Amino acid sequence: MTWLVYALLSAATAALVAIFGKIGLKDIDANTATAARSVIMAVFLLVVVAVQGKFSQLGEIVSHRKALAFIGLSGVAGALSWLFYFLALKYGKVAQVGPIDKLSVVIAVVLALLFLGEKITLLNGIGVVLIAAGAILSALK
């Protein structure tokens, strides 16, 4: 049940990214804004790790080459996602960009099925199809 609390908090704070980002992008270059956001996030997260007393564990990640490689790839994918997201927000409406961005849920499930061997139930599959349909319908003008 803890995962659900964190997932809901993730959704709520992600919604704020869209709102604050759209307001902040009014007269600003999207890529420069994304870079500034990334620096702020990095500093914030380093403070969180330090306050938790886990700063020394950063070295542990570096010593695990495979983990570091995949965390690095995740970071590149995340950075590209933010670049494209802020560009989309710059030129589109939050009410359209937000739902299309959530197609990442559908893509993640498909990739998890293909590459991680995860299984989903029929009910889960129906939910994923509904997410895709909802995202597409929400983005229509």
Protein backbone atom coordinates (compact mmCIF):
# COMPACT_ATOMS: atom_id res chain seq x y z
CA MET A 1 0.00 0.00 0.00
CA THR A 2 2.99 2.30 0.53
CA TRP A 3 3.60 2.23 -3.24
CA LEU A 4 0.14 3.72 -3.82
CA VAL A 5 0.78 6.68 -1.50
CA TYR A 6 4.07 7.41 -3.27
CA ALA A 7 2.47 6.95 -6.70
CA LEU A 8 -0.31 9.41 -5.83
CA LEU A 9 2.23 11.91 -4.49
CA SER A 10 4.22 11.45 -7.70
CA ALA A 11 1.13 12.17 -9.80
CA ALA A 12 0.24 15.25 -7.76
CA THR A 13 3.73 16.73 -7.91
CA ALA A 14 4.03 15.86 -11.62
CA ALA A 15 0.84 17.85 -12.19
CA LEU A 16 2.51 20.82 -10.51
CA VAL A 17 5.46 20.46 -12.91
CA ALA A 18 3.07 21.08 -15.78
CA ILE A 19 1.37 24.07 -14.19
CA PHE A 20 4.53 25.75 -12.86
CA GLY A 21 6.40 24.90 -16.07
CA LYS A 22 3.74 26.37 -18.34
CA ILE A 23 3.68 29.61 -16.33
CA GLY A 24 7.47 29.80 -16.19
CA LEU A 25 7.94 29.17 -19.91
CA LYS A 26 5.95 32.21 -20.99
CA ASP A 27 8.93 34.27 -22.20
CA ILE A 28 11.75 31.74 -21.70
CA ASP A 29 13.51 29.24 -23.98
CA ALA A 30 12.25 25.73 -23.14
CA ASN A 31 15.65 24.01 -23.31
CA THR A 32 17.33 26.62 -21.12
CA ALA A 33 14.47 26.36 -18.64
CA THR A 34 14.86 22.57 -18.60
CA ALA A 35 18.58 22.92 -17.88
CA ALA A 36 17.88 25.31 -15.00
CA ARG A 37 15.22 22.96 -13.66
CA SER A 38 17.67 20.06 -13.83
CA VAL A 39 20.31 21.92 -11.82
CA ILE A 40 17.72 22.85 -9.20
CA MET A 41 16.54 19.24 -9.03
CA ALA A 42 20.11 17.91 -8.72
CA VAL A 43 20.93 20.27 -5.86
CA PHE A 44 17.62 19.52 -4.13
CA LEU A 45 18.13 15.76 -4.42
CA LEU A 46 21.74 15.96 -3.18
CA VAL A 47 20.46 17.82 -0.11
CA VAL A 48 17.80 15.12 0.44
CA VAL A 49 20.44 12.36 0.21
CA ALA A 50 22.74 14.28 2.59
CA VAL A 51 19.95 14.89 5.12
CA GLN A 52 19.11 11.18 5.02
CA GLY A 53 22.75 10.42 5.75
CA LYS A 54 23.10 8.39 2.55
CA PHE A 55 25.61 10.57 0.72
CA SER A 56 28.26 7.85 1.01
CA GLN A 57 26.04 5.48 -0.98
CA LEU A 58 26.66 7.52 -4.12
CA GLY A 59 30.07 5.87 -4.32
CA GLU A 60 28.41 2.47 -4.12
CA ILE A 61 26.46 3.21 -7.28
CA VAL A 62 29.66 4.10 -9.12
CA SER A 63 31.26 0.78 -8.11
CA HIS A 64 28.41 -1.22 -9.68
CA ARG A 65 29.12 -0.76 -13.39
CA LYS A 66 25.91 -2.33 -14.67
CA ALA A 67 23.74 -0.35 -12.25
CA LEU A 68 25.60 2.83 -13.11
CA ALA A 69 25.15 2.23 -16.83
CA PHE A 70 21.41 1.71 -16.53
CA ILE A 71 20.98 4.59 -14.09
CA GLY A 72 22.92 6.72 -16.57
CA LEU A 73 20.68 5.63 -19.43
CA SER A 74 17.66 6.39 -17.25
CA GLY A 75 19.08 9.86 -16.62
CA VAL A 76 19.57 10.51 -20.34
CA ALA A 77 16.05 9.25 -21.08
CA GLY A 78 14.67 11.44 -18.29
CA ALA A 79 16.53 14.49 -19.57
CA LEU A 80 15.23 13.92 -23.09
CA SER A 81 11.73 13.45 -21.68
CA TRP A 82 11.96 16.78 -19.84
CA LEU A 83 13.31 18.56 -22.91
CA PHE A 84 10.46 17.29 -25.06
CA TYR A 85 7.90 17.88 -22.30
CA PHE A 86 8.90 21.51 -21.80
CA LEU A 87 8.95 22.08 -25.57
CA ALA A 88 5.45 20.59 -25.78
CA LEU A 89 4.28 22.81 -22.89
CA LYS A 90 5.80 25.86 -24.54
CA TYR A 91 3.71 25.38 -27.66
CA GLY A 92 0.70 23.41 -26.43
CA LYS A 93 -1.96 23.46 -23.78
CA VAL A 94 -1.41 21.62 -20.51
CA ALA A 95 -4.80 19.96 -21.03
CA GLN A 96 -3.46 18.37 -24.22
CA VAL A 97 0.22 17.88 -23.38
CA GLY A 98 -0.42 16.27 -19.99
CA PRO A 99 -2.58 13.40 -21.24
CA ILE A 100 -0.32 12.65 -24.20
CA ASP A 101 2.67 12.63 -21.85
CA LYS A 102 0.88 9.97 -19.82
CA LEU A 103 1.07 7.65 -22.81
CA SER A 104 4.42 6.92 -21.17
CA VAL A 105 2.43 4.65 -18.86
CA VAL A 106 1.22 2.61 -21.82
CA ILE A 107 4.68 2.51 -23.41
CA ALA A 108 6.29 1.53 -20.08
CA VAL A 109 3.86 -1.37 -19.64
CA VAL A 110 4.50 -2.63 -23.18
CA LEU A 111 8.29 -2.35 -22.69
CA ALA A 112 8.03 -4.11 -19.31
CA LEU A 113 6.14 -6.95 -20.99
CA LEU A 114 8.68 -7.24 -23.81
CA PHE A 115 11.97 -6.70 -21.99
CA LEU A 116 11.37 -7.42 -18.31
CA GLY A 117 9.04 -10.37 -18.70
CA GLU A 118 6.39 -8.76 -16.53
CA LYS A 119 2.87 -10.11 -16.75
CA ILE A 120 -0.38 -8.20 -16.54
CA THR A 121 -3.90 -9.43 -15.93
CA LEU A 122 -6.79 -8.91 -18.30
CA LEU A 123 -8.07 -6.19 -15.99
CA ASN A 124 -4.65 -4.46 -16.06
CA GLY A 125 -4.62 -4.72 -19.85
CA ILE A 126 -8.05 -3.13 -20.10
CA GLY A 127 -6.85 -0.31 -17.83
CA VAL A 128 -3.80 0.30 -20.05
CA VAL A 129 -6.01 0.41 -23.17
CA LEU A 130 -8.32 2.87 -21.41
CA ILE A 131 -5.35 5.05 -20.45
CA ALA A 132 -4.29 5.14 -24.10
CA ALA A 133 -7.82 5.92 -25.29
CA GLY A 134 -8.27 8.60 -22.62
CA ALA A 135 -4.97 10.26 -23.48
CA ILE A 136 -5.81 10.38 -27.15
CA LEU A 137 -9.37 11.61 -26.58
CA SER A 138 -8.15 14.28 -24.13
CA ALA A 139 -5.72 15.65 -26.67
CA LEU A 140 -8.26 16.05 -29.46
CA LYS A 141 -9.37 19.60 -30.17
